[in-house]
């Protein structure tokens, strides 16, 4: 293992929210970050911000659902220290009876197949580093469902099972597998994307909740988990705001 390889971190979905915050915190922790997302302008701006602050950052426009593009991207990394599978998201809040199959398909492709593509493509480089780490950013939706959330919960259950199974399959190799499952996180885009830009519906998700998690809270959790000593594997870390006891139990101030 080389120290250079072990300090390279690829972050997917780095154009906003948890991904962007994670890239910032990993850079501050000394990683050379490679920012990937579909929105090239966003990740280039973030790379410029980090570079101006004295960090090492590179932007690479990438759609994780495009396997050919992912495979091409992976050729640049003979070794790699860290992969953060963060790209994902929710679409809609419809019941099973009327849910849009296209929304379900898109959520599955991004949250599950995107994670699969990146993990399969980067695993040889992570192993070659001698001290690699795979992070899967799932959700508490991957551990318990709620009304209207079947499509998203199904996708995040898939991401959870992918991480859990991978851990079993590669035990004995020099690669850790960490799952971080956030609960209610208030970011600029998550709820807006879920409700197709409807600001009223998006605002109601957080209505009355004094302090939902922030993207920075989750990024700090991820950074803590990956900076543990190499022999320490944080298999699963569930993080919620104090006001949220479960997916269906949230304290809202009147």
Protein backbone atom coordinates (compact mmCIF):
# COMPACT_ATOMS: atom_id res chain seq x y z
CA UNK A 1 0.00 0.00 0.00
CA UNK A 2 1.18 3.52 -0.77
CA UNK A 3 0.14 6.47 1.33
CA UNK A 4 -0.82 8.30 -1.85
CA UNK A 5 -3.26 5.60 -2.92
CA UNK A 6 -4.80 5.30 0.52
CA UNK A 7 -5.62 9.01 0.60
CA UNK A 8 -7.55 9.18 -2.69
CA UNK A 9 -11.32 9.35 -2.11
CA UNK A 10 -13.96 9.07 -4.83
CA UNK A 11 -17.31 10.60 -3.83
CA UNK A 12 -20.40 10.04 -6.00
CA UNK A 13 -23.31 12.47 -6.00
CA UNK A 14 -20.89 15.21 -4.98
CA UNK A 15 -22.74 18.08 -6.66
CA UNK A 16 -24.85 18.98 -3.60
CA UNK A 17 -26.08 17.95 -0.16
CA UNK A 18 -24.40 15.08 1.66
CA UNK A 19 -22.02 14.35 -1.20
CA UNK A 20 -20.65 17.89 -1.41
CA UNK A 21 -20.39 18.18 2.37
CA UNK A 22 -18.58 14.84 2.56
CA UNK A 23 -16.10 15.91 -0.10
CA UNK A 24 -15.35 19.07 1.88
CA UNK A 25 -14.80 17.20 5.13
CA UNK A 26 -12.71 14.44 3.55
CA UNK A 27 -10.54 17.09 1.88
CA UNK A 28 -10.11 18.83 5.22
CA UNK A 29 -9.09 15.47 6.70
CA UNK A 30 -6.31 15.19 4.13
CA UNK A 31 -7.85 13.14 1.35
CA UNK A 32 -7.33 13.84 -2.34
CA UNK A 33 -10.96 13.97 -3.39
CA UNK A 34 -12.37 13.02 -6.77
CA UNK A 35 -15.83 14.53 -7.18
CA UNK A 36 -18.32 12.76 -9.44
CA UNK A 37 -21.87 13.70 -10.41
CA UNK A 38 -23.89 14.36 -13.55
CA UNK A 39 -23.87 18.13 -13.06
CA UNK A 40 -20.42 19.05 -14.28
CA UNK A 41 -20.71 22.75 -13.43
CA UNK A 42 -21.50 22.00 -9.78
CA UNK A 43 -18.59 19.65 -9.17
CA UNK A 44 -16.16 21.85 -11.06
CA UNK A 45 -17.16 24.78 -8.84
CA UNK A 46 -16.67 22.64 -5.73
CA UNK A 47 -13.29 21.40 -6.98
CA UNK A 48 -12.21 25.00 -7.56
CA UNK A 49 -13.38 25.94 -4.05
CA UNK A 50 -11.42 23.12 -2.46
CA UNK A 51 -8.32 23.79 -4.55
CA UNK A 52 -8.41 27.46 -3.59
CA UNK A 53 -8.49 26.37 0.05
CA UNK A 54 -5.30 24.38 -0.46
CA UNK A 55 -6.82 20.94 -0.90
CA UNK A 56 -6.46 18.43 -3.74
CA UNK A 57 -9.71 18.04 -5.69
CA UNK A 58 -10.67 16.86 -9.16
CA UNK A 59 -14.09 16.94 -10.85
CA UNK A 60 -15.28 14.19 -13.19
CA UNK A 61 -18.74 14.29 -14.74
CA UNK A 62 -20.23 10.81 -14.34
CA UNK A 63 -23.63 9.12 -14.37
CA UNK A 64 -23.34 6.09 -12.09
CA UNK A 65 -26.18 4.35 -13.92
CA UNK A 66 -24.06 4.28 -17.11
CA UNK A 67 -21.92 1.18 -16.70
CA UNK A 68 -19.70 1.85 -19.69
CA UNK A 69 -18.90 5.34 -18.35
CA UNK A 70 -18.21 3.95 -14.88
CA UNK A 71 -15.84 1.32 -16.27
CA UNK A 72 -13.97 3.97 -18.24
CA UNK A 73 -13.71 6.15 -15.14
CA UNK A 74 -12.28 3.24 -13.12
CA UNK A 75 -9.35 2.79 -15.51
CA UNK A 76 -7.77 5.94 -14.05
CA UNK A 77 -7.31 4.25 -10.66
CA UNK A 78 -4.85 1.37 -10.35
CA UNK A 79 -5.21 1.85 -6.60
CA UNK A 80 -7.79 3.68 -4.50
CA UNK A 81 -8.25 4.25 -0.78
CA UNK A 82 -11.91 5.21 -0.43
CA UNK A 83 -15.16 5.02 -2.38
CA UNK A 84 -18.19 6.85 -1.00
CA UNK A 85 -21.35 5.63 -2.75
CA UNK A 86 -23.61 8.59 -2.08
CA UNK A 87 -25.47 9.08 -5.37
CA UNK A 88 -29.17 8.34 -4.93
CA UNK A 89 -32.42 10.01 -3.97
CA UNK A 90 -36.17 9.66 -3.63
CA UNK A 91 -38.95 10.29 -6.13
CA UNK A 92 -42.60 10.67 -5.12
CA UNK A 93 -44.55 9.75 -2.02
CA UNK A 94 -47.37 7.77 -3.59
CA UNK A 95 -48.89 4.58 -2.17
CA UNK A 96 -48.09 1.25 -3.77
CA UNK A 97 -51.50 1.19 -5.49
CA UNK A 98 -50.79 4.33 -7.52
CA UNK A 99 -47.01 4.69 -7.50
CA UNK A 100 -45.30 5.49 -10.78
CA UNK A 101 -43.26 2.48 -11.95
CA UNK A 102 -40.90 4.85 -13.76
CA UNK A 103 -40.07 6.55 -10.44
CA UNK A 104 -39.43 3.14 -8.87
CA UNK A 105 -37.15 2.16 -11.75
CA UNK A 106 -35.15 5.38 -11.57
CA UNK A 107 -34.72 5.08 -7.80
CA UNK A 108 -33.55 1.48 -8.13
CA UNK A 109 -31.13 2.30 -10.93
CA UNK A 110 -29.50 5.15 -9.00
CA UNK A 111 -29.57 3.87 -5.42
CA UNK A 112 -28.84 0.18 -6.11
CA UNK A 113 -27.43 -0.36 -9.60
CA UNK A 114 -25.37 2.84 -9.42
CA UNK A 115 -23.82 1.63 -6.18
CA UNK A 116 -23.27 -1.79 -7.72
CA UNK A 117 -21.60 -0.35 -10.81
CA UNK A 118 -19.20 1.83 -8.82
CA UNK A 119 -18.38 -0.85 -6.27
CA UNK A 120 -17.70 -3.54 -8.86
CA UNK A 121 -15.60 -1.20 -11.00
CA UNK A 122 -13.53 0.21 -8.12
CA UNK A 123 -13.13 -2.91 -5.96
CA UNK A 124 -9.92 -4.10 -7.69
CA UNK A 125 -8.28 -0.72 -7.05
CA UNK A 126 -9.53 -0.63 -3.46
CA UNK A 127 -8.08 -4.09 -2.88
CA UNK A 128 -4.80 -3.18 -4.58
CA UNK A 129 -4.35 -0.26 -2.21
CA UNK A 130 -3.92 -2.70 0.67
CA UNK A 131 -6.24 -0.62 2.84
CA UNK A 132 -9.45 0.26 1.00
CA UNK A 133 -12.86 1.33 2.25
CA UNK A 134 -16.28 1.20 0.59
CA UNK A 135 -18.98 3.41 2.07
CA UNK A 136 -22.64 2.95 1.16
CA UNK A 137 -24.82 5.91 2.15
CA UNK A 138 -28.20 4.28 2.56
CA UNK A 139 -31.08 5.57 4.69
CA UNK A 140 -33.20 4.62 7.65
CA UNK A 141 -35.72 3.85 4.88
CA UNK A 142 -33.52 0.85 4.18
CA UNK A 143 -34.26 -0.51 7.63
CA UNK A 144 -37.96 0.22 8.01
CA UNK A 145 -40.66 1.46 5.68
CA UNK A 146 -43.44 4.06 5.98
CA UNK A 147 -46.64 4.87 4.14
CA UNK A 148 -45.94 6.32 0.73
CA UNK A 149 -42.31 5.33 0.90
CA UNK A 150 -42.36 1.84 -0.60
CA UNK A 151 -40.41 2.69 -3.74
CA UNK A 152 -37.64 4.56 -1.94
CA UNK A 153 -37.58 2.07 0.93
CA UNK A 154 -37.28 -0.82 -1.52
CA UNK A 155 -34.32 0.85 -3.22
CA UNK A 156 -32.59 1.66 0.05
CA UNK A 157 -33.25 -1.86 1.36
CA UNK A 158 -31.41 -2.98 -1.78
CA UNK A 159 -28.47 -0.71 -0.98
CA UNK A 160 -28.41 -2.00 2.60
CA UNK A 161 -28.40 -5.64 1.51
CA UNK A 162 -25.69 -4.93 -1.07
CA UNK A 163 -23.43 -3.52 1.66
CA UNK A 164 -24.23 -6.27 4.14
CA UNK A 165 -23.60 -9.04 1.61
CA UNK A 166 -20.41 -7.47 0.27
CA UNK A 167 -19.03 -7.38 3.81
CA UNK A 168 -19.60 -11.14 4.09
CA UNK A 169 -18.15 -11.90 0.67
CA UNK A 170 -14.88 -9.97 0.94
CA UNK A 171 -14.01 -10.57 4.59
CA UNK A 172 -10.31 -11.42 4.75
CA UNK A 173 -9.42 -8.89 2.06
CA UNK A 174 -7.93 -5.47 2.94
CA UNK A 175 -11.21 -3.65 2.25
CA UNK A 176 -13.71 -2.38 4.82
CA UNK A 177 -17.42 -2.02 4.05
CA UNK A 178 -19.27 0.70 5.95
CA UNK A 179 -22.95 1.58 5.73
CA UNK A 180 -24.16 4.94 7.01
CA UNK A 181 -27.95 5.21 7.23
CA UNK A 182 -29.19 8.78 7.84
CA UNK A 183 -32.69 9.59 9.01
CA UNK A 184 -34.30 13.00 8.46
CA UNK A 185 -31.75 15.26 6.76
CA UNK A 186 -32.69 18.72 5.56
CA UNK A 187 -30.79 19.66 2.43
CA UNK A 188 -31.48 22.12 -0.36
CA UNK A 189 -32.56 19.48 -2.86
CA UNK A 190 -33.65 16.11 -1.39
CA UNK A 191 -37.30 16.90 -0.67
CA UNK A 192 -37.59 19.26 -3.65
CA UNK A 193 -36.44 16.48 -5.95
CA UNK A 194 -38.82 14.03 -4.33
CA UNK A 195 -41.76 16.32 -4.97
CA UNK A 196 -40.70 17.47 -8.45
CA UNK A 197 -39.85 20.99 -7.29
CA UNK A 198 -43.03 21.59 -5.23
CA UNK A 199 -41.69 23.85 -2.47
CA UNK A 200 -44.84 23.62 -0.36
CA UNK A 201 -44.77 19.83 -0.21
CA UNK A 202 -41.01 19.85 0.42
CA UNK A 203 -41.33 22.28 3.32
CA UNK A 204 -43.97 20.13 5.02
CA UNK A 205 -41.48 17.28 5.43
CA UNK A 206 -39.57 19.36 7.97
CA UNK A 207 -42.48 21.39 9.35
CA UNK A 208 -42.22 21.82 13.11
CA UNK A 209 -38.96 19.88 13.40
CA UNK A 210 -36.62 22.16 15.29
CA UNK A 211 -33.35 20.59 14.18
CA UNK A 212 -33.33 17.96 11.45
CA UNK A 213 -29.90 16.66 10.51
CA UNK A 214 -27.81 18.72 8.11
CA UNK A 215 -25.65 17.45 5.28
CA UNK A 216 -22.65 18.45 7.39
CA UNK A 217 -23.84 16.23 10.26
CA UNK A 218 -23.90 13.20 7.98
CA UNK A 219 -20.61 14.13 6.33
CA UNK A 220 -18.96 14.37 9.73
CA UNK A 221 -20.32 10.91 10.59
CA UNK A 222 -18.95 9.44 7.36
CA UNK A 223 -15.57 11.09 7.88
CA UNK A 224 -15.38 9.77 11.44
CA UNK A 225 -16.20 6.23 10.31
CA UNK A 226 -13.60 6.13 7.53
CA UNK A 227 -10.84 7.62 9.67
CA UNK A 228 -10.98 4.89 12.31
CA UNK A 229 -7.90 2.63 12.48
CA UNK A 230 -7.73 0.19 9.57
CA UNK A 231 -8.74 -2.81 11.68
CA UNK A 232 -11.94 -1.08 12.85
CA UNK A 233 -14.98 -1.62 10.57
CA UNK A 234 -18.11 0.39 11.35
CA UNK A 235 -20.49 -2.11 9.76
CA UNK A 236 -23.64 0.00 10.17
CA UNK A 237 -24.16 3.43 11.64
CA UNK A 238 -27.72 4.79 11.89
CA UNK A 239 -27.90 8.53 12.54
CA UNK A 240 -31.08 10.47 13.21
CA UNK A 241 -31.91 13.87 14.66
CA UNK A 242 -32.96 13.81 18.31
CA UNK A 243 -36.50 14.74 17.23
CA UNK A 244 -36.87 11.58 15.16
CA UNK A 245 -37.31 8.29 16.99
CA UNK A 246 -38.22 6.26 13.90
CA UNK A 247 -39.34 6.77 10.30
CA UNK A 248 -42.89 7.32 11.55
CA UNK A 249 -42.26 8.93 14.96
CA UNK A 250 -41.12 12.55 14.72
CA UNK A 251 -41.58 15.28 17.33
CA UNK A 252 -42.97 18.42 15.72
CA UNK A 253 -43.28 21.62 17.70
CA UNK A 254 -46.60 23.41 17.38
